[in-house]
Structures are given as structure tokens and as C-alpha cells.
């Protein structure tokens, strides 16, 4: 059952990646489905008490990060926040990730996927002159790699506390 859920996660992340690269937009329905699957995996690995505490902590961290980004965009850059700095898909994926992993794993995956997205976009943008980063798509691509290795390497534990 768990490998099937992980394969579904990989498929949904692939769809998000494709849509974000192709149209710079993602169908919003994919995010609640992805959140449900990843939350379920997180819940069965952590149990009720740890799931609640880590999810709440992660949601607070994402909200603080988005608040800082909002203030920076509005006050320093003097630009609109929504659809200029971040799109709805990016914000929804941040919250999906917050529900998906224990806090330490979430911080590592969130940070490393953001760095991956930045570096990957810098490399692919040399050939094309896009002004927007497909952040949700690139973070989903990173998650595909994470879950692929999690399926292949059984001792690799994403959900250790």
C-alpha cells in the first residue's frame, strides 16, 4: 500500500512539473490530492501526537516565510506579491510540504528543493529568457527524486523524527 501511495505522489508531482513548465500554471485540484497522500504517509509513520505537532510547526514556519516574502516584496521591491513573486501553485505546494514531513525533514527538503529550483532555473534559463521561475514544478521535480530514492533504498527514512 505505501509503495503505491509513493508512486501516486510521483505521478502527481510529474503532472505538476509538466503543467508548471508548459503553462506556468497548475490545476489547483492536484494540491489537495497531493496533500492528502503525503499527509497520510506522514501520519502513519509518525502517529497522532507527532503528526499534529510537526504539522503545526511546519505550517507556522511556512506562514512566517510567506509573511517575510510578502513584506519584502511589498516594502522593499514595491511590487505586488501575488502572481509577481509567488503564484498560487507555489504557495499551495509550500503548505502541502508542511503537512508532508516531520519538522527536521521538512526544513531539509524545503531548503534543498528551493536551492535546487534556483540552480536548475539558472542553468535552463541561459538558453531561454523566461522571467518567471516554475517553482512548484521544480520543487515537484525534486520531490520525484526524493520519493524515487525512498522507494529504491528501503533503509532511507524520510519520516524519522
Protein backbone atom coordinates (compact mmCIF):
# COMPACT_ATOMS: atom_id res chain seq x y z
CA UNK A 1 0.00 0.00 0.00
CA UNK A 2 2.71 2.51 0.95
CA UNK A 3 4.76 1.99 -2.26
CA UNK A 4 1.56 2.53 -4.27
CA UNK A 5 0.93 5.84 -2.48
CA UNK A 6 4.52 6.89 -3.15
CA UNK A 7 4.10 6.06 -6.83
CA UNK A 8 0.91 8.14 -6.91
CA UNK A 9 2.86 11.00 -5.31
CA UNK A 10 5.49 10.70 -8.04
CA UNK A 11 2.81 10.74 -10.77
CA UNK A 12 1.08 13.82 -9.32
CA UNK A 13 4.42 15.60 -8.92
CA UNK A 14 5.22 14.77 -12.55
CA UNK A 15 1.91 16.29 -13.65
CA UNK A 16 2.60 19.43 -11.57
CA UNK A 17 6.08 19.68 -13.09
CA UNK A 18 4.76 19.29 -16.63
CA UNK A 19 1.97 21.83 -16.19
CA UNK A 20 4.19 24.39 -14.47
CA UNK A 21 6.85 24.17 -17.19
CA UNK A 22 4.32 24.14 -20.04
CA UNK A 23 1.85 26.81 -18.89
CA UNK A 24 3.39 28.34 -15.74
CA UNK A 25 0.12 27.34 -14.08
CA UNK A 26 -1.05 24.20 -12.31
CA UNK A 27 -4.56 22.85 -11.81
CA UNK A 28 -5.27 23.57 -8.14
CA UNK A 29 -7.08 20.25 -7.54
CA UNK A 30 -3.74 18.43 -7.64
CA UNK A 31 -2.56 20.11 -4.45
CA UNK A 32 -5.30 18.80 -2.10
CA UNK A 33 -4.84 15.32 -3.57
CA UNK A 34 -1.07 15.52 -3.06
CA UNK A 35 -1.57 16.93 0.45
CA UNK A 36 -3.90 14.04 1.33
CA UNK A 37 -1.48 11.39 0.12
CA UNK A 38 1.59 12.93 1.75
CA UNK A 39 -0.24 13.72 4.99
CA UNK A 40 -1.40 10.12 5.17
CA UNK A 41 2.18 8.87 4.72
CA UNK A 42 3.38 11.30 7.37
CA UNK A 43 0.59 10.30 9.75
CA UNK A 44 1.15 6.54 9.50
CA UNK A 45 4.89 6.97 10.06
CA UNK A 46 4.66 9.44 12.95
CA UNK A 47 1.43 8.70 14.75
CA UNK A 48 -1.19 11.14 16.02
CA UNK A 49 0.81 13.17 18.53
CA UNK A 50 3.96 13.75 16.46
CA UNK A 51 1.99 14.34 13.27
CA UNK A 52 -0.03 17.13 14.87
CA UNK A 53 2.94 18.85 16.48
CA UNK A 54 5.19 18.64 13.43
CA UNK A 55 2.44 19.71 11.03
CA UNK A 56 1.54 22.73 13.16
CA UNK A 57 5.21 23.69 13.49
CA UNK A 58 5.74 23.37 9.75
CA UNK A 59 2.61 25.37 8.93
CA UNK A 60 3.79 28.16 11.23
CA UNK A 61 7.23 28.13 9.57
CA UNK A 62 5.70 28.36 6.08
CA UNK A 63 3.41 31.18 7.18
CA UNK A 64 6.37 33.11 8.64
CA UNK A 65 8.39 32.57 5.44
CA UNK A 66 5.48 33.75 3.29
CA UNK A 67 4.96 36.74 5.59
CA UNK A 68 8.60 37.75 5.25
CA UNK A 69 8.43 37.31 1.46
CA UNK A 70 5.25 39.38 1.36
CA UNK A 71 6.79 42.22 3.38
CA UNK A 72 9.98 42.15 1.32
CA UNK A 73 8.05 42.22 -1.96
CA UNK A 74 5.67 44.99 -0.90
CA UNK A 75 8.03 47.22 1.12
CA UNK A 76 11.45 46.76 -0.49
CA UNK A 77 10.66 45.79 -4.08
CA UNK A 78 7.41 47.79 -4.11
CA UNK A 79 5.71 45.18 -6.28
CA UNK A 80 2.53 43.14 -5.88
CA UNK A 81 3.14 39.87 -4.07
CA UNK A 82 0.61 37.52 -5.66
CA UNK A 83 1.48 36.33 -9.18
CA UNK A 84 4.61 38.50 -9.25
CA UNK A 85 6.80 37.00 -6.54
CA UNK A 86 4.90 33.77 -5.98
CA UNK A 87 1.96 32.14 -7.68
CA UNK A 88 -0.87 30.27 -6.05
CA UNK A 89 0.68 26.92 -7.02
CA UNK A 90 3.93 27.82 -5.25
CA UNK A 91 2.09 28.85 -2.08
CA UNK A 92 -0.10 25.73 -2.12
CA UNK A 93 2.94 23.49 -2.60
CA UNK A 94 4.66 25.15 0.39
CA UNK A 95 1.68 24.23 2.55
CA UNK A 96 1.49 20.71 1.07
CA UNK A 97 5.14 20.18 2.04
CA UNK A 98 4.40 21.48 5.53
CA UNK A 99 1.92 18.65 6.07
CA UNK A 100 4.12 16.04 4.45
CA UNK A 101 7.15 15.50 6.68
CA UNK A 102 8.43 15.73 10.24
CA UNK A 103 9.85 19.19 11.01
CA UNK A 104 13.56 18.43 10.54
CA UNK A 105 12.90 16.54 7.29
CA UNK A 106 10.58 19.34 6.13
CA UNK A 107 13.24 22.01 6.72
CA UNK A 108 15.87 19.98 4.85
CA UNK A 109 13.56 19.17 1.92
CA UNK A 110 12.09 22.68 1.73
CA UNK A 111 15.51 24.34 1.77
CA UNK A 112 17.24 21.90 -0.55
CA UNK A 113 14.35 21.92 -3.05
CA UNK A 114 14.38 25.71 -3.12
CA UNK A 115 18.14 25.75 -3.75
CA UNK A 116 17.69 23.04 -6.41
CA UNK A 117 14.97 25.14 -8.09
CA UNK A 118 17.17 28.24 -8.12
CA UNK A 119 20.21 26.44 -9.53
CA UNK A 120 18.19 24.43 -12.06
CA UNK A 121 16.40 27.56 -13.27
CA UNK A 122 19.68 29.46 -13.63
CA UNK A 123 21.05 26.65 -15.80
CA UNK A 124 17.96 26.23 -18.02
CA UNK A 125 17.34 29.97 -18.26
CA UNK A 126 20.65 30.52 -20.08
CA UNK A 127 19.05 29.16 -23.23
CA UNK A 128 15.64 30.76 -22.77
CA UNK A 129 14.73 34.16 -21.45
CA UNK A 130 11.91 33.35 -19.05
CA UNK A 131 11.21 35.89 -16.35
CA UNK A 132 9.24 33.57 -14.07
CA UNK A 133 10.53 30.55 -12.22
CA UNK A 134 8.35 27.41 -12.33
CA UNK A 135 8.96 26.97 -8.59
CA UNK A 136 6.16 24.50 -7.89
CA UNK A 137 7.25 22.44 -10.89
CA UNK A 138 10.89 22.40 -9.90
CA UNK A 139 10.12 21.59 -6.27
CA UNK A 140 7.85 18.78 -7.50
CA UNK A 141 10.68 17.51 -9.71
CA UNK A 142 12.89 17.46 -6.64
CA UNK A 143 10.21 15.52 -4.71
CA UNK A 144 10.09 12.97 -7.52
CA UNK A 145 13.79 12.35 -6.92
CA UNK A 146 13.30 12.15 -3.16
CA UNK A 147 10.49 9.60 -3.42
CA UNK A 148 12.23 7.66 -6.16
CA UNK A 149 15.23 7.17 -3.89
CA UNK A 150 12.93 6.42 -0.96
CA UNK A 151 11.30 3.60 -2.94
CA UNK A 152 14.63 2.21 -4.23
CA UNK A 153 16.59 2.49 -0.98
CA UNK A 154 14.39 0.98 1.70
CA UNK A 155 16.71 1.93 4.62
CA UNK A 156 16.41 5.57 3.55
CA UNK A 157 13.96 7.01 6.06
CA UNK A 158 12.10 10.22 5.24
CA UNK A 159 9.95 10.05 8.32
CA UNK A 160 12.44 9.64 11.12
CA UNK A 161 11.71 12.03 13.95
